[in-house]
Amino acid sequence: WAAVAGGAVFGLLLGAHLLVNTSLTFGYRVRTGPLAELAGWWAYDLGANILAAEAFFRAALFDRAYRRWSFAPAAALATGAAVVRYLADPLLPRSLGVAAGAAFYIALLGAGNCWLLARTGSLGPSLAAAALFFGAYRLLAPR
């Protein structure tokens, strides 16, 4: 449980940084409602987005590469693939600043989650980190 709590703290800190940075840089605000819309996005993230991304990019791709290579190239492969996947998302707003920010945060989350998996041997910490990060991400709303 300590490792899951550590992953949760990592995701919470990264999500908080995202909220502060986007509000100062792009003028985004924290969305407070409607709660049904937020709950729908959180349910999608928890039930599909996070599970699929962590299962594929960390448990499959990173784990297989890490058995063959050292940590850095394995994490770079899995993280790079995750960044490409998120940048190809049609729901991501199409601006250079948003794309750069998304690439930055997904790269940090991906590399951190690779390290968590390599350190603990469990997806639990990575799932907790991603859940809290994407929970914060869904709170973003343009002004």
N, C-alpha and C. Protein backbone atom coordinates (compact mmCIF):
# COMPACT_ATOMS: atom_id res chain seq x y z
N TRP A 1 0.82 -1.21 0.00
CA TRP A 1 0.00 0.00 0.00
C TRP A 1 0.85 1.25 0.00
N ALA A 2 2.04 1.16 0.55
CA ALA A 2 2.92 2.34 0.56
C ALA A 2 3.30 2.74 -0.86
N ALA A 3 3.52 1.76 -1.72
CA ALA A 3 3.87 2.07 -3.11
C ALA A 3 2.69 2.72 -3.83
N VAL A 4 1.48 2.24 -3.58
CA VAL A 4 0.29 2.84 -4.19
C VAL A 4 0.11 4.27 -3.69
N ALA A 5 0.34 4.48 -2.41
CA ALA A 5 0.26 5.84 -1.85
C ALA A 5 1.32 6.73 -2.48
N GLY A 6 2.52 6.21 -2.69
CA GLY A 6 3.56 6.98 -3.37
C GLY A 6 3.18 7.34 -4.79
N GLY A 7 2.59 6.39 -5.51
CA GLY A 7 2.10 6.68 -6.86
C GLY A 7 1.01 7.73 -6.84
N ALA A 8 0.12 7.64 -5.85
CA ALA A 8 -0.96 8.63 -5.72
C ALA A 8 -0.40 10.02 -5.46
N VAL A 9 0.61 10.11 -4.63
CA VAL A 9 1.24 11.41 -4.35
C VAL A 9 1.89 11.97 -5.61
N PHE A 10 2.56 11.10 -6.36
CA PHE A 10 3.17 11.53 -7.62
C PHE A 10 2.11 12.08 -8.57
N GLY A 11 1.02 11.35 -8.77
CA GLY A 11 -0.05 11.80 -9.65
C GLY A 11 -0.71 13.07 -9.16
N LEU A 12 -0.89 13.19 -7.85
CA LEU A 12 -1.50 14.39 -7.27
C LEU A 12 -0.60 15.61 -7.48
N LEU A 13 0.68 15.46 -7.25
CA LEU A 13 1.60 16.58 -7.43
C LEU A 13 1.70 16.99 -8.90
N LEU A 14 1.75 16.02 -9.80
CA LEU A 14 1.81 16.33 -11.22
C LEU A 14 0.51 16.99 -11.68
N GLY A 15 -0.62 16.51 -11.20
CA GLY A 15 -1.90 17.11 -11.52
C GLY A 15 -2.04 18.52 -10.98
N ALA A 16 -1.57 18.74 -9.76
CA ALA A 16 -1.62 20.09 -9.18
C ALA A 16 -0.73 21.04 -9.97
N HIS A 17 0.43 20.57 -10.39
CA HIS A 17 1.32 21.39 -11.20
C HIS A 17 0.65 21.75 -12.53
N LEU A 18 -0.02 20.78 -13.13
CA LEU A 18 -0.75 21.02 -14.37
C LEU A 18 -1.81 22.10 -14.18
N LEU A 19 -2.59 22.02 -13.11
CA LEU A 19 -3.65 23.00 -12.87
C LEU A 19 -3.08 24.41 -12.68
N VAL A 20 -2.03 24.52 -11.89
CA VAL A 20 -1.42 25.84 -11.65
C VAL A 20 -0.78 26.37 -12.93
N ASN A 21 -0.03 25.53 -13.62
CA ASN A 21 0.68 25.97 -14.81
C ASN A 21 -0.27 26.41 -15.92
N THR A 22 -1.32 25.64 -16.17
CA THR A 22 -2.24 26.00 -17.24
C THR A 22 -3.06 27.23 -16.89
N SER A 23 -3.33 27.44 -15.61
CA SER A 23 -4.08 28.65 -15.25
C SER A 23 -3.20 29.89 -15.43
N LEU A 24 -1.92 29.77 -15.15
CA LEU A 24 -1.02 30.92 -15.30
C LEU A 24 -0.59 31.14 -16.74
N THR A 25 -0.41 30.06 -17.50
CA THR A 25 0.10 30.16 -18.86
C THR A 25 -0.99 30.40 -19.90
N PHE A 26 -2.05 29.61 -19.82
CA PHE A 26 -3.09 29.65 -20.84
C PHE A 26 -4.40 30.28 -20.36
N GLY A 27 -4.47 30.63 -19.10
CA GLY A 27 -5.68 31.23 -18.58
C GLY A 27 -6.81 30.24 -18.33
N TYR A 28 -6.50 28.96 -18.23
CA TYR A 28 -7.53 27.98 -17.91
C TYR A 28 -7.98 28.18 -16.47
N ARG A 29 -9.17 27.71 -16.18
CA ARG A 29 -9.68 27.78 -14.81
C ARG A 29 -10.02 26.37 -14.35
N VAL A 30 -10.28 26.23 -13.07
CA VAL A 30 -10.70 24.95 -12.53
C VAL A 30 -12.21 24.84 -12.69
N ARG A 31 -12.64 23.79 -13.37
CA ARG A 31 -14.06 23.54 -13.60
C ARG A 31 -14.68 23.02 -12.31
N THR A 32 -15.80 23.56 -11.95
CA THR A 32 -16.49 23.11 -10.74
C THR A 32 -17.77 22.34 -11.06
N GLY A 33 -18.15 22.29 -12.30
CA GLY A 33 -19.38 21.57 -12.64
C GLY A 33 -19.61 21.63 -14.11
N PRO A 34 -20.63 21.09 -14.63
CA PRO A 34 -21.62 20.28 -13.90
C PRO A 34 -21.02 18.94 -13.46
N LEU A 35 -21.42 18.51 -12.31
CA LEU A 35 -20.84 17.31 -11.71
C LEU A 35 -21.09 16.07 -12.57
N ALA A 36 -22.23 15.99 -13.23
CA ALA A 36 -22.52 14.81 -14.07
C ALA A 36 -21.53 14.71 -15.23
N GLU A 37 -21.14 15.84 -15.80
CA GLU A 37 -20.17 15.83 -16.90
C GLU A 37 -18.79 15.39 -16.39
N LEU A 38 -18.38 15.95 -15.25
CA LEU A 38 -17.10 15.54 -14.67
C LEU A 38 -17.10 14.06 -14.31
N ALA A 39 -18.18 13.60 -13.72
CA ALA A 39 -18.28 12.18 -13.33
C ALA A 39 -18.19 11.28 -14.56
N GLY A 40 -18.78 11.72 -15.67
CA GLY A 40 -18.68 10.93 -16.90
C GLY A 40 -17.26 10.82 -17.40
N TRP A 41 -16.53 11.95 -17.39
CA TRP A 41 -15.14 11.92 -17.82
C TRP A 41 -14.27 11.09 -16.87
N TRP A 42 -14.51 11.24 -15.56
CA TRP A 42 -13.74 10.46 -14.59
C TRP A 42 -14.02 8.97 -14.74
N ALA A 43 -15.28 8.61 -15.00
CA ALA A 43 -15.63 7.21 -15.20
C ALA A 43 -14.93 6.66 -16.45
N TYR A 44 -14.92 7.46 -17.52
CA TYR A 44 -14.22 7.04 -18.74
C TYR A 44 -12.73 6.84 -18.45
N ASP A 45 -12.12 7.80 -17.75
CA ASP A 45 -10.69 7.68 -17.46
C ASP A 45 -10.40 6.44 -16.61
N LEU A 46 -11.17 6.24 -15.55
CA LEU A 46 -10.92 5.11 -14.66
C LEU A 46 -11.25 3.77 -15.31
N GLY A 47 -12.33 3.73 -16.10
CA GLY A 47 -12.78 2.47 -16.65
C GLY A 47 -12.15 2.08 -17.97
N ALA A 48 -11.62 3.04 -18.71
CA ALA A 48 -11.09 2.70 -20.03
C ALA A 48 -9.72 3.32 -20.29
N ASN A 49 -9.63 4.62 -20.25
CA ASN A 49 -8.41 5.33 -20.64
C ASN A 49 -7.20 4.90 -19.82
N ILE A 50 -7.29 4.98 -18.53
CA ILE A 50 -6.14 4.68 -17.68
C ILE A 50 -5.81 3.19 -17.71
N LEU A 51 -6.83 2.36 -17.61
CA LEU A 51 -6.57 0.92 -17.62
C LEU A 51 -5.91 0.48 -18.92
N ALA A 52 -6.42 0.95 -20.05
CA ALA A 52 -5.85 0.56 -21.34
C ALA A 52 -4.43 1.10 -21.50
N ALA A 53 -4.23 2.37 -21.15
CA ALA A 53 -2.90 2.96 -21.31
C ALA A 53 -1.87 2.29 -20.41
N GLU A 54 -2.20 2.07 -19.16
CA GLU A 54 -1.24 1.45 -18.25
C GLU A 54 -1.00 -0.01 -18.62
N ALA A 55 -2.06 -0.71 -19.02
CA ALA A 55 -1.89 -2.12 -19.40
C ALA A 55 -1.03 -2.24 -20.66
N PHE A 56 -1.26 -1.38 -21.65
CA PHE A 56 -0.48 -1.49 -22.87
C PHE A 56 0.90 -0.86 -22.75
N PHE A 57 0.97 0.44 -22.38
CA PHE A 57 2.25 1.15 -22.43
C PHE A 57 3.20 0.74 -21.31
N ARG A 58 2.68 0.40 -20.14
CA ARG A 58 3.57 0.01 -19.05
C ARG A 58 3.66 -1.50 -18.92
N ALA A 59 2.53 -2.18 -18.71
CA ALA A 59 2.58 -3.62 -18.42
C ALA A 59 3.02 -4.45 -19.62
N ALA A 60 2.71 -4.02 -20.81
CA ALA A 60 3.10 -4.81 -22.00
C ALA A 60 4.36 -4.25 -22.64
N LEU A 61 4.29 -3.03 -23.16
CA LEU A 61 5.39 -2.48 -23.94
C LEU A 61 6.63 -2.23 -23.09
N PHE A 62 6.49 -1.49 -21.99
CA PHE A 62 7.65 -1.19 -21.14
C PHE A 62 8.22 -2.47 -20.54
N ASP A 63 7.36 -3.32 -20.00
CA ASP A 63 7.84 -4.53 -19.32
C ASP A 63 8.63 -5.42 -20.28
N ARG A 64 8.12 -5.58 -21.49
CA ARG A 64 8.83 -6.40 -22.47
C ARG A 64 10.17 -5.77 -22.85
N ALA A 65 10.16 -4.46 -23.11
CA ALA A 65 11.40 -3.78 -23.48
C ALA A 65 12.40 -3.78 -22.32
N TYR A 66 11.90 -3.66 -21.09
CA TYR A 66 12.77 -3.63 -19.91
C TYR A 66 13.46 -4.97 -19.68
N ARG A 67 12.83 -6.05 -20.12
CA ARG A 67 13.48 -7.37 -20.01
C ARG A 67 14.65 -7.50 -20.98
N ARG A 68 14.62 -6.72 -22.07
CA ARG A 68 15.69 -6.80 -23.08
C ARG A 68 16.74 -5.72 -22.93
N TRP A 69 16.31 -4.52 -22.51
CA TRP A 69 17.19 -3.36 -22.45
C TRP A 69 17.24 -2.81 -21.03
N SER A 70 18.07 -1.78 -20.87
CA SER A 70 18.12 -1.12 -19.57
C SER A 70 16.90 -0.21 -19.42
N PHE A 71 16.78 0.41 -18.26
CA PHE A 71 15.59 1.20 -17.96
C PHE A 71 15.37 2.35 -18.93
N ALA A 72 16.41 3.13 -19.21
CA ALA A 72 16.23 4.35 -20.01
C ALA A 72 15.67 4.09 -21.40
N PRO A 73 16.22 3.18 -22.20
CA PRO A 73 15.63 2.96 -23.51
C PRO A 73 14.23 2.33 -23.45
N ALA A 74 13.99 1.46 -22.48
CA ALA A 74 12.67 0.86 -22.35
C ALA A 74 11.63 1.91 -21.97
N ALA A 75 11.99 2.79 -21.03
CA ALA A 75 11.07 3.86 -20.63
C ALA A 75 10.87 4.85 -21.76
N ALA A 76 11.92 5.15 -22.52
CA ALA A 76 11.79 6.08 -23.65
C ALA A 76 10.85 5.53 -24.71
N LEU A 77 10.94 4.23 -24.99
CA LEU A 77 10.05 3.62 -25.98
C LEU A 77 8.59 3.69 -25.52
N ALA A 78 8.33 3.25 -24.31
CA ALA A 78 6.95 3.23 -23.80
C ALA A 78 6.39 4.64 -23.65
N THR A 79 7.20 5.55 -23.16
CA THR A 79 6.75 6.93 -22.96
C THR A 79 6.54 7.63 -24.29
N GLY A 80 7.46 7.43 -25.22
CA GLY A 80 7.30 8.03 -26.55
C GLY A 80 6.03 7.55 -27.24
N ALA A 81 5.75 6.25 -27.14
CA ALA A 81 4.52 5.71 -27.74
C ALA A 81 3.29 6.30 -27.07
N ALA A 82 3.32 6.47 -25.76
CA ALA A 82 2.18 7.07 -25.04
C ALA A 82 1.98 8.52 -25.45
N VAL A 83 3.05 9.27 -25.61
CA VAL A 83 2.94 10.67 -26.03
C VAL A 83 2.31 10.75 -27.42
N VAL A 84 2.76 9.91 -28.34
CA VAL A 84 2.19 9.90 -29.69
C VAL A 84 0.71 9.56 -29.63
N ARG A 85 0.33 8.61 -28.83
CA ARG A 85 -1.08 8.24 -28.69
C ARG A 85 -1.91 9.40 -28.21
N TYR A 86 -1.45 10.11 -27.19
CA TYR A 86 -2.24 11.22 -26.65
C TYR A 86 -2.25 12.42 -27.59
N LEU A 87 -1.18 12.65 -28.33
CA LEU A 87 -1.18 13.76 -29.28
C LEU A 87 -2.09 13.48 -30.47
N ALA A 88 -2.33 12.22 -30.76
CA ALA A 88 -3.24 11.86 -31.85
C ALA A 88 -4.70 11.88 -31.42
N ASP A 89 -4.96 12.10 -30.14
CA ASP A 89 -6.34 12.12 -29.62
C ASP A 89 -7.12 13.25 -30.27
N PRO A 90 -8.23 12.96 -30.94
CA PRO A 90 -9.00 14.02 -31.61
C PRO A 90 -9.66 15.00 -30.64
N LEU A 91 -9.77 14.64 -29.36
CA LEU A 91 -10.38 15.54 -28.39
C LEU A 91 -9.40 16.58 -27.83
N LEU A 92 -8.12 16.40 -28.10
CA LEU A 92 -7.12 17.35 -27.63
C LEU A 92 -7.23 18.64 -28.43
N PRO A 93 -7.37 19.79 -27.77
CA PRO A 93 -7.44 21.05 -28.53
C PRO A 93 -6.22 21.21 -29.43
N ARG A 94 -6.43 21.71 -30.61
CA ARG A 94 -5.36 21.81 -31.61
C ARG A 94 -4.68 23.16 -31.56
N SER A 95 -3.71 23.28 -30.69
CA SER A 95 -2.85 24.45 -30.67
C SER A 95 -1.46 23.99 -30.26
N LEU A 96 -0.46 24.71 -30.70
CA LEU A 96 0.92 24.32 -30.43
C LEU A 96 1.21 24.30 -28.93
N GLY A 97 0.71 25.30 -28.21
CA GLY A 97 0.95 25.37 -26.77
C GLY A 97 0.33 24.20 -26.02
N VAL A 98 -0.90 23.86 -26.38
CA VAL A 98 -1.57 22.74 -25.72
C VAL A 98 -0.87 21.43 -26.08
N ALA A 99 -0.47 21.26 -27.32
CA ALA A 99 0.24 20.04 -27.73
C ALA A 99 1.56 19.91 -26.99
N ALA A 100 2.29 21.00 -26.87
CA ALA A 100 3.56 20.96 -26.14
C ALA A 100 3.34 20.63 -24.67
N GLY A 101 2.34 21.24 -24.08
CA GLY A 101 2.03 20.96 -22.68
C GLY A 101 1.59 19.52 -22.48
N ALA A 102 0.75 19.03 -23.38
CA ALA A 102 0.29 17.63 -23.27
C ALA A 102 1.48 16.68 -23.40
N ALA A 103 2.35 16.93 -24.35
CA ALA A 103 3.52 16.08 -24.52
C ALA A 103 4.39 16.10 -23.27
N PHE A 104 4.59 17.27 -22.69
CA PHE A 104 5.40 17.41 -21.48
C PHE A 104 4.82 16.61 -20.33
N TYR A 105 3.54 16.80 -20.04
CA TYR A 105 2.93 16.14 -18.89
C TYR A 105 2.76 14.64 -19.10
N ILE A 106 2.40 14.22 -20.31
CA ILE A 106 2.27 12.78 -20.57
C ILE A 106 3.64 12.12 -20.50
N ALA A 107 4.69 12.82 -20.95
CA ALA A 107 6.04 12.27 -20.85
C ALA A 107 6.46 12.12 -19.39
N LEU A 108 6.18 13.12 -18.57
CA LEU A 108 6.52 13.01 -17.15
C LEU A 108 5.74 11.89 -16.48
N LEU A 109 4.44 11.84 -16.76
CA LEU A 109 3.61 10.79 -16.17
C LEU A 109 4.09 9.41 -16.65
N GLY A 110 4.37 9.27 -17.95
CA GLY A 110 4.81 8.00 -18.49
C GLY A 110 6.14 7.55 -17.91
N ALA A 111 7.10 8.44 -17.86
CA ALA A 111 8.42 8.07 -17.31
C ALA A 111 8.31 7.73 -15.82
N GLY A 112 7.53 8.53 -15.10
CA GLY A 112 7.33 8.24 -13.67
C GLY A 112 6.64 6.91 -13.46
N ASN A 113 5.66 6.61 -14.29
CA ASN A 113 4.95 5.35 -14.15
C ASN A 113 5.82 4.16 -14.55
N CYS A 114 6.70 4.34 -15.51
CA CYS A 114 7.66 3.28 -15.84
C CYS A 114 8.58 3.02 -14.64
N TRP A 115 9.03 4.09 -14.01
CA TRP A 115 9.90 3.94 -12.85
C TRP A 115 9.15 3.23 -11.71
N LEU A 116 7.89 3.62 -11.49
CA LEU A 116 7.10 2.97 -10.45
C LEU A 116 6.94 1.48 -10.71
N LEU A 117 6.67 1.11 -11.95
CA LEU A 117 6.52 -0.30 -12.30
C LEU A 117 7.85 -1.05 -12.14
N ALA A 118 8.94 -0.45 -12.59
CA ALA A 118 10.24 -1.09 -12.46
C ALA A 118 10.63 -1.25 -10.99
N ARG A 119 10.29 -0.28 -10.19
CA ARG A 119 10.67 -0.28 -8.76
C ARG A 119 9.84 -1.26 -7.95
N THR A 120 8.52 -1.32 -8.24
CA THR A 120 7.62 -2.12 -7.40
C THR A 120 7.20 -3.44 -8.02
N GLY A 121 7.25 -3.55 -9.36
CA GLY A 121 6.78 -4.75 -10.02
C GLY A 121 5.26 -4.85 -10.07
N SER A 122 4.59 -3.76 -9.76
CA SER A 122 3.13 -3.75 -9.72
C SER A 122 2.59 -2.56 -10.50
N LEU A 123 1.42 -2.73 -11.12
CA LEU A 123 0.76 -1.62 -11.81
C LEU A 123 -0.02 -0.73 -10.86
N GLY A 124 -0.24 -1.16 -9.63
CA GLY A 124 -1.02 -0.40 -8.66
C GLY A 124 -0.56 1.05 -8.50
N PRO A 125 0.72 1.30 -8.26
CA PRO A 125 1.18 2.68 -8.11
C PRO A 125 0.99 3.51 -9.38
N SER A 126 1.21 2.90 -10.54
CA SER A 126 1.03 3.61 -11.81
C SER A 126 -0.44 3.94 -12.04
N LEU A 127 -1.32 3.02 -11.71
CA LEU A 127 -2.75 3.27 -11.86
C LEU A 127 -3.20 4.41 -10.95
N ALA A 128 -2.68 4.42 -9.72
CA ALA A 128 -3.04 5.49 -8.78
C ALA A 128 -2.52 6.84 -9.27
N ALA A 129 -1.30 6.87 -9.78
CA ALA A 129 -0.72 8.12 -10.29
C ALA A 129 -1.53 8.64 -11.47
N ALA A 130 -1.84 7.77 -12.41
CA ALA A 130 -2.60 8.18 -13.59
C ALA A 130 -4.01 8.62 -13.22
N ALA A 131 -4.63 7.93 -12.28
CA ALA A 131 -5.99 8.29 -11.87
C ALA A 131 -6.04 9.70 -11.28
N LEU A 132 -5.09 10.02 -10.42
CA LEU A 132 -5.10 11.36 -9.82
C LEU A 132 -4.68 12.43 -10.82
N PHE A 133 -3.73 12.10 -11.69
CA PHE A 133 -3.35 13.09 -12.70
C PHE A 133 -4.51 13.39 -13.64
N PHE A 134 -5.14 12.36 -14.19
CA PHE A 134 -6.25 12.61 -15.11
C PHE A 134 -7.47 13.17 -14.40
N GLY A 135 -7.61 12.88 -13.12
CA GLY A 135 -8.67 13.53 -12.34
C GLY A 135 -8.48 15.03 -12.31
N ALA A 136 -7.24 15.46 -12.13
CA ALA A 136 -6.94 16.90 -12.16
C ALA A 136 -7.07 17.46 -13.57
N TYR A 137 -6.62 16.72 -14.57
CA TYR A 137 -6.71 17.17 -15.95
C TYR A 137 -8.15 17.47 -16.34
N ARG A 138 -9.07 16.64 -15.92
CA ARG A 138 -10.48 16.83 -16.28
C ARG A 138 -11.09 18.05 -15.60
N LEU A 139 -10.41 18.61 -14.63
CA LEU A 139 -10.90 19.82 -13.98
C LEU A 139 -10.57 21.08 -14.77
N LEU A 140 -9.77 20.95 -15.83
CA LEU A 140 -9.38 22.12 -16.62
C LEU A 140 -10.53 22.57 -17.52
N ALA A 141 -10.72 23.87 -17.57
CA ALA A 141 -11.73 24.46 -18.46
C ALA A 141 -11.21 25.80 -18.97
N PRO A 142 -11.38 26.07 -20.27
CA PRO A 142 -10.94 27.38 -20.78
C PRO A 142 -11.79 28.49 -20.17
N ARG A 143 -11.20 29.66 -20.05
CA ARG A 143 -11.98 30.81 -19.50
C ARG A 143 -12.94 31.31 -20.54
